[in-house]
Amino acid sequence: MDYMTISIAIALSSLGLAMIYSATRSFSTDKFIIVQSVAFVISIAAMFVLAAFDFRFYSKMWKVIIAATAVALVGTLVIGYSMGGNKSWIAIGPVNIQTSEIAKITFSITFATHLYSVKDRLSKVKTMLGIWIHMGLIVGLVLLQGDMGSALVFIFMSVCMMFAAGVKIRYFIFMALVVISITPVLWIHLLKEYQRSRILVGFNPQLDPQGYGFQPLQSLYAIQSGGLFGLGYMDGVRSQSNTLLPAKHTDFIFGIIGEELGFVGAMAVVLLLAAMAIRILYIALHVQSDAGSIMCVGIFAMIMFQMCENIGMCLATLPV
């Protein structure tokens, strides 16, 4: 095991627990901190179990894993429920699971193994079609759930992993041209009205300050009010209010960190996330297996994109 990566993950998770506790103090339930704490303990146990097997064990099962992933995503469309406009959640007892989050991990395994298995034929169009179908299957199912944010994560992961695998530049140019050409069609026919509004307002929240721009603006105000050292742990105005910042304990937790811990605390989170991503990229460059290296690049891309995406929306500079 790489103890530096584990230490960073535990530090981030511990800080996350502390901030969720603060953000949910004004609620009439301890459900959120209990669920997060239990998940933290389970994740530590799961890490040891998963690490007991060589990653090649999972690589050998990549076709089974991608099939199971597709079934889980389709099942979410059938029996799942909507939250925030996205039908991407399944309720298992008192716990809600977002299947696309699990898919990010399984996708890093299956896509890396697929790329490695055809590494000698990456210059052929037929090979690339198979890779694009693999990517498109998962991205398409996530888009059907209405979760554009997660779909963008999968696309970024795919591009980075393909680059790491040695896919020719001409294919990236082709992909870019396809995306540019179909964007108007997607905007008009695929995206729902609320999604278009989210994107437009995301780059300029003042267009709808009481609607779609309300959350990012309140998050920005929270971060601004924190100053250099913050208002103090559990002393934030918006962190202790149930109305000023919706989703303060989930999507907009970074706003609470900025308000209570200030610039120093916010930068500590950014540096810890960056340190984890850089460490994973370091491992990717030094691991003995090409497939393992591509997997690491996928996880690196996932962390980096999500970090920029989430912090950007909390700073009211990127769409929610």
Protein backbone atom coordinates (compact mmCIF):
# COMPACT_ATOMS: atom_id res chain seq x y z
CA MET A 1 0.00 0.00 0.00
CA ASP A 2 1.04 3.58 -0.60
CA TYR A 3 0.80 5.11 2.84
CA MET A 4 1.18 8.69 1.62
CA THR A 5 -1.98 8.39 -0.50
CA ILE A 6 -3.83 6.71 2.38
CA SER A 7 -2.74 9.41 4.83
CA ILE A 8 -3.96 12.19 2.53
CA ALA A 9 -7.28 10.39 2.00
CA ILE A 10 -7.79 9.97 5.75
CA ALA A 11 -6.91 13.64 6.36
CA LEU A 12 -9.43 14.77 3.73
CA SER A 13 -12.12 12.43 5.02
CA SER A 14 -11.57 13.55 8.62
CA LEU A 15 -11.81 17.20 7.60
CA GLY A 16 -14.94 16.33 5.62
CA LEU A 17 -16.52 14.73 8.70
CA ALA A 18 -15.74 17.79 10.79
CA MET A 19 -17.26 20.17 8.24
CA ILE A 20 -20.38 18.03 7.71
CA TYR A 21 -20.87 17.99 11.47
CA SER A 22 -20.71 21.78 11.52
CA ALA A 23 -22.96 22.20 8.47
CA THR A 24 -25.66 19.89 9.88
CA ARG A 25 -25.74 21.21 13.46
CA SER A 26 -28.79 23.30 12.56
CA PHE A 27 -30.68 20.23 11.34
CA SER A 28 -33.03 18.26 13.56
CA THR A 29 -31.28 14.99 12.74
CA ASP A 30 -27.81 13.46 13.03
CA LYS A 31 -28.44 11.21 10.03
CA PHE A 32 -25.91 12.85 7.72
CA ILE A 33 -22.92 12.74 10.05
CA ILE A 34 -23.80 9.18 11.09
CA VAL A 35 -24.07 7.97 7.48
CA GLN A 36 -20.80 9.72 6.56
CA SER A 37 -19.01 8.26 9.59
CA VAL A 38 -20.24 4.75 8.85
CA ALA A 39 -19.25 5.14 5.20
CA PHE A 40 -15.78 6.27 6.31
CA VAL A 41 -15.30 3.13 8.42
CA ILE A 42 -16.68 0.87 5.68
CA SER A 43 -14.39 2.47 3.12
CA ILE A 44 -11.31 1.76 5.25
CA ALA A 45 -12.35 -1.89 5.53
CA ALA A 46 -13.16 -2.07 1.81
CA MET A 47 -9.73 -0.66 0.99
CA PHE A 48 -7.98 -3.51 2.80
CA VAL A 49 -10.25 -6.11 1.17
CA LEU A 50 -9.77 -4.73 -2.35
CA ALA A 51 -6.02 -4.32 -1.83
CA ALA A 52 -5.74 -7.99 -0.85
CA PHE A 53 -6.21 -8.84 -4.55
CA ASP A 54 -3.77 -7.93 -7.30
CA PHE A 55 -5.39 -5.41 -9.63
CA ARG A 56 -4.89 -7.88 -12.49
CA PHE A 57 -7.61 -9.95 -10.82
CA TYR A 58 -10.06 -7.14 -11.60
CA SER A 59 -8.59 -6.61 -15.06
CA LYS A 60 -9.32 -10.20 -16.03
CA MET A 61 -12.99 -9.59 -15.18
CA TRP A 62 -13.29 -6.29 -17.06
CA LYS A 63 -16.05 -7.48 -19.42
CA VAL A 64 -18.11 -8.74 -16.49
CA ILE A 65 -17.48 -5.51 -14.59
CA ILE A 66 -18.59 -3.26 -17.46
CA ALA A 67 -21.70 -5.39 -17.97
CA ALA A 68 -22.53 -5.10 -14.26
CA THR A 69 -21.90 -1.35 -14.40
CA ALA A 70 -24.26 -0.95 -17.36
CA VAL A 71 -26.94 -3.02 -15.59
CA ALA A 72 -26.62 -0.86 -12.46
CA LEU A 73 -26.95 2.36 -14.48
CA VAL A 74 -29.95 1.01 -16.42
CA GLY A 75 -31.48 -0.22 -13.17
CA THR A 76 -31.16 3.28 -11.75
CA LEU A 77 -33.12 4.63 -14.72
CA VAL A 78 -35.86 2.07 -14.06
CA ILE A 79 -36.20 1.94 -10.27
CA GLY A 80 -34.16 4.95 -9.17
CA TYR A 81 -35.47 8.30 -8.04
CA SER A 82 -34.69 11.91 -8.90
CA MET A 83 -32.75 14.36 -6.78
CA GLY A 84 -31.89 17.83 -8.05
CA GLY A 85 -33.28 16.96 -11.47
CA ASN A 86 -31.09 13.87 -11.90
CA LYS A 87 -32.53 10.36 -11.78
CA SER A 88 -29.28 8.88 -10.56
CA TRP A 89 -30.06 7.57 -7.08
CA ILE A 90 -31.15 4.21 -5.70
CA ALA A 91 -32.43 3.85 -2.15
CA ILE A 92 -31.16 0.83 -0.22
CA GLY A 93 -32.86 1.02 3.16
CA PRO A 94 -31.93 4.33 4.80
CA VAL A 95 -28.94 4.84 2.48
CA ASN A 96 -29.07 6.55 -0.91
CA ILE A 97 -26.50 5.39 -3.46
CA GLN A 98 -25.52 7.26 -6.60
CA THR A 99 -24.57 4.47 -8.99
CA SER A 100 -22.59 6.77 -11.30
CA GLU A 101 -20.10 7.32 -8.47
CA ILE A 102 -19.38 3.59 -8.24
CA ALA A 103 -19.24 3.50 -12.04
CA LYS A 104 -16.34 5.98 -12.02
CA ILE A 105 -14.20 3.42 -10.20
CA THR A 106 -15.29 0.43 -12.28
CA PHE A 107 -14.88 2.48 -15.48
CA SER A 108 -11.26 3.26 -14.61
CA ILE A 109 -10.65 -0.51 -14.43
CA THR A 110 -12.57 -1.56 -17.55
CA PHE A 111 -11.49 1.29 -19.81
CA ALA A 112 -7.82 0.96 -18.79
CA THR A 113 -7.88 -2.80 -19.41
CA HIS A 114 -9.63 -2.32 -22.76
CA LEU A 115 -7.01 0.23 -23.87
CA TYR A 116 -4.17 -2.01 -22.72
CA SER A 117 -5.61 -5.07 -24.47
CA VAL A 118 -5.57 -3.27 -27.84
CA LYS A 119 -2.41 -1.19 -27.32
CA ASP A 120 -0.79 -2.63 -30.46
CA ARG A 121 -3.80 -1.70 -32.62
CA LEU A 122 -4.60 1.80 -31.38
CA SER A 123 -3.86 3.32 -34.77
CA LYS A 124 -6.70 1.37 -36.42
CA VAL A 125 -10.15 2.89 -36.86
CA LYS A 126 -11.92 -0.37 -35.95
CA THR A 127 -10.07 -0.49 -32.64
CA MET A 128 -10.97 3.11 -31.85
CA LEU A 129 -14.63 2.46 -32.65
CA GLY A 130 -14.66 -0.23 -29.98
CA ILE A 131 -13.07 2.17 -27.48
CA TRP A 132 -15.56 4.94 -28.32
CA ILE A 133 -18.47 2.51 -27.91
CA HIS A 134 -17.11 1.54 -24.48
CA MET A 135 -16.92 5.20 -23.48
CA GLY A 136 -20.21 6.13 -25.13
CA LEU A 137 -22.13 3.35 -23.38
CA ILE A 138 -21.33 4.69 -19.91
CA VAL A 139 -21.49 8.38 -20.81
CA GLY A 140 -24.81 7.85 -22.61
CA LEU A 141 -26.44 6.06 -19.68
CA VAL A 142 -25.28 8.77 -17.27
CA LEU A 143 -26.64 11.46 -19.59
CA LEU A 144 -29.99 9.65 -19.68
CA GLN A 145 -30.05 10.04 -15.91
CA GLY A 146 -29.75 13.80 -16.47
CA ASP A 147 -26.40 13.97 -14.67
CA MET A 148 -24.36 16.18 -16.98
CA GLY A 149 -21.71 16.83 -14.33
CA SER A 150 -20.84 13.15 -13.95
CA ALA A 151 -20.96 12.64 -17.72
CA LEU A 152 -18.29 15.35 -18.11
CA VAL A 153 -16.16 13.56 -15.52
CA PHE A 154 -16.33 10.32 -17.54
CA ILE A 155 -15.43 12.16 -20.74
CA PHE A 156 -12.42 13.84 -19.13
CA MET A 157 -11.29 10.54 -17.63
CA SER A 158 -11.61 8.88 -21.05
CA VAL A 159 -9.59 11.54 -22.84
CA CYS A 160 -6.79 11.44 -20.26
CA MET A 161 -6.66 7.64 -20.26
CA MET A 162 -6.61 7.48 -24.06
CA PHE A 163 -3.77 9.99 -24.13
CA ALA A 164 -1.84 7.96 -21.54
CA ALA A 165 -2.41 4.79 -23.58
CA GLY A 166 -0.89 6.40 -26.68
CA VAL A 167 -3.94 7.05 -28.85
CA LYS A 168 -2.94 9.06 -31.92
CA ILE A 169 -3.52 12.83 -31.86
CA ARG A 170 -5.63 12.65 -35.02
CA TYR A 171 -8.34 10.78 -33.12
CA PHE A 172 -8.49 13.52 -30.47
CA ILE A 173 -8.87 16.11 -33.23
CA PHE A 174 -11.66 14.03 -34.77
CA MET A 175 -13.41 13.74 -31.39
CA ALA A 176 -13.15 17.49 -30.86
CA LEU A 177 -14.65 18.20 -34.28
CA VAL A 178 -17.52 15.79 -33.60
CA VAL A 179 -18.25 17.43 -30.26
CA ILE A 180 -18.19 20.91 -31.80
CA SER A 181 -20.49 19.85 -34.64
CA ILE A 182 -23.12 18.16 -32.46
CA THR A 183 -23.11 20.71 -29.62
CA PRO A 184 -25.91 22.85 -31.17
CA VAL A 185 -28.07 19.74 -31.62
CA LEU A 186 -27.44 18.61 -28.04
CA TRP A 187 -28.19 22.10 -26.73
CA ILE A 188 -31.52 22.32 -28.52
CA HIS A 189 -32.83 18.75 -28.42
CA LEU A 190 -31.08 16.85 -25.60
CA LEU A 191 -30.61 19.34 -22.78
CA LYS A 192 -33.65 20.18 -20.71
CA GLU A 193 -34.61 23.79 -19.99
CA TYR A 194 -33.28 23.68 -16.44
CA GLN A 195 -29.95 22.31 -17.68
CA ARG A 196 -29.57 25.10 -20.22
CA SER A 197 -30.45 27.62 -17.53
CA ARG A 198 -27.89 26.10 -15.17
CA ILE A 199 -25.16 26.45 -17.77
CA LEU A 200 -26.00 30.03 -18.76
CA VAL A 201 -26.46 31.20 -15.19
CA GLY A 202 -23.42 29.20 -14.09
CA PHE A 203 -21.09 31.58 -15.88
CA ASN A 204 -23.06 34.64 -14.72
CA PRO A 205 -25.16 33.96 -11.58
CA GLN A 206 -26.43 37.55 -11.60
CA LEU A 207 -28.70 36.58 -14.52
CA ASP A 208 -30.95 34.78 -12.01
CA PRO A 209 -29.81 35.72 -8.48
CA GLN A 210 -32.98 34.45 -6.80
CA GLY A 211 -33.22 31.25 -8.87
CA TYR A 212 -30.43 29.16 -10.39
CA GLY A 213 -27.84 31.74 -9.36
CA PHE A 214 -28.88 31.77 -5.70
CA GLN A 215 -26.75 28.85 -4.47
CA PRO A 216 -23.46 29.82 -6.18
CA LEU A 217 -23.85 33.45 -5.13
CA GLN A 218 -24.55 32.51 -1.51
CA SER A 219 -21.54 30.19 -1.58
CA LEU A 220 -19.38 32.97 -2.98
CA TYR A 221 -20.61 35.37 -0.28
CA ALA A 222 -19.83 32.75 2.37
CA ILE A 223 -16.26 32.33 1.10
CA GLN A 224 -15.79 36.11 0.87
CA SER A 225 -17.03 36.62 4.43
CA GLY A 226 -14.52 34.07 5.73
CA GLY A 227 -11.57 36.29 4.94
CA LEU A 228 -8.11 34.97 5.72
CA PHE A 229 -8.78 32.81 8.80
CA GLY A 230 -12.57 32.36 8.72
CA LEU A 231 -15.39 33.16 11.11
CA GLY A 232 -14.53 30.17 13.27
CA TYR A 233 -15.48 26.51 13.33
CA MET A 234 -19.27 26.14 13.78
CA ASP A 235 -19.60 29.94 13.83
CA GLY A 236 -20.40 30.60 10.18
CA VAL A 237 -23.54 32.59 9.39
CA ARG A 238 -24.56 30.46 6.40
CA SER A 239 -23.23 27.20 7.82
CA GLN A 240 -25.53 27.53 10.81
CA SER A 241 -28.57 28.65 8.79
CA ASN A 242 -31.04 26.31 7.09
CA THR A 243 -32.08 28.82 4.42
CA LEU A 244 -29.11 30.93 3.31
CA LEU A 245 -27.13 28.18 1.55
CA PRO A 246 -29.04 25.11 0.28
CA ALA A 247 -27.01 21.87 -0.04
CA LYS A 248 -24.45 23.34 2.36
CA HIS A 249 -23.55 19.85 3.67
CA THR A 250 -23.16 18.28 0.20
CA ASP A 251 -22.52 20.11 -3.09
CA PHE A 252 -21.60 23.43 -1.44
CA ILE A 253 -19.51 22.20 1.48
CA PHE A 254 -16.51 24.12 0.10
CA GLY A 255 -18.46 27.35 0.68
CA ILE A 256 -18.82 26.38 4.35
CA ILE A 257 -15.10 25.60 4.58
CA GLY A 258 -14.28 29.04 3.16
CA GLU A 259 -16.67 30.76 5.56
CA GLU A 260 -15.59 28.98 8.75
CA LEU A 261 -11.91 28.25 8.06
CA GLY A 262 -11.14 31.12 5.69
CA PHE A 263 -8.63 31.26 2.86
CA VAL A 264 -6.16 29.23 4.92
CA GLY A 265 -8.61 26.35 5.45
CA ALA A 266 -9.85 26.43 1.84
CA MET A 267 -6.28 26.32 0.53
CA ALA A 268 -5.49 23.43 2.87
CA VAL A 269 -8.28 21.44 1.19
CA VAL A 270 -7.09 22.42 -2.29
CA LEU A 271 -3.49 21.48 -1.46
CA LEU A 272 -4.51 18.14 0.04
CA LEU A 273 -6.59 17.28 -3.04
CA ALA A 274 -3.77 18.40 -5.32
CA ALA A 275 -1.27 16.37 -3.30
CA MET A 276 -3.43 13.26 -3.67
CA ALA A 277 -3.81 13.77 -7.41
CA ILE A 278 -0.08 14.39 -7.89
CA ARG A 279 0.80 11.33 -5.81
CA ILE A 280 -1.51 9.17 -7.90
CA LEU A 281 0.06 10.57 -11.08
CA TYR A 282 3.50 9.79 -9.62
CA ILE A 283 2.40 6.20 -9.04
CA ALA A 284 1.08 6.06 -12.62
CA LEU A 285 4.53 7.02 -13.90
CA HIS A 286 6.36 4.44 -11.77
CA VAL A 287 4.02 1.43 -11.70
CA GLN A 288 5.33 -1.68 -13.48
CA SER A 289 2.19 -2.41 -15.50
CA ASP A 290 0.87 -0.30 -18.38
CA ALA A 291 -2.72 -1.22 -17.49
CA GLY A 292 -2.14 -0.19 -13.88
CA SER A 293 -0.62 3.08 -15.05
CA ILE A 294 -3.65 3.90 -17.21
CA MET A 295 -5.98 3.09 -14.27
CA CYS A 296 -4.07 5.55 -12.09
CA VAL A 297 -4.35 8.22 -14.78
CA GLY A 298 -8.12 7.67 -14.80
CA ILE A 299 -8.38 8.20 -11.04
CA PHE A 300 -6.07 11.22 -11.28
CA ALA A 301 -8.30 12.73 -13.97
CA MET A 302 -11.43 12.03 -11.91
CA ILE A 303 -10.08 13.79 -8.82
CA MET A 304 -8.69 16.78 -10.74
CA PHE A 305 -11.84 17.38 -12.80
CA GLN A 306 -14.19 17.00 -9.84
CA MET A 307 -12.03 19.30 -7.73
CA CYS A 308 -12.09 22.03 -10.38
CA GLU A 309 -15.77 21.46 -11.17
CA ASN A 310 -16.95 21.61 -7.55
CA ILE A 311 -14.73 24.45 -6.35
CA GLY A 312 -15.52 26.40 -9.53
CA MET A 313 -19.26 26.23 -8.89
CA CYS A 314 -18.78 27.14 -5.21
CA LEU A 315 -16.87 30.23 -6.39
CA ALA A 316 -19.76 31.06 -8.79
CA THR A 317 -17.50 30.74 -11.84
CA LEU A 318 -18.68 27.38 -13.26
CA PRO A 319 -22.19 25.90 -13.75
CA VAL A 320 -23.70 23.89 -10.90
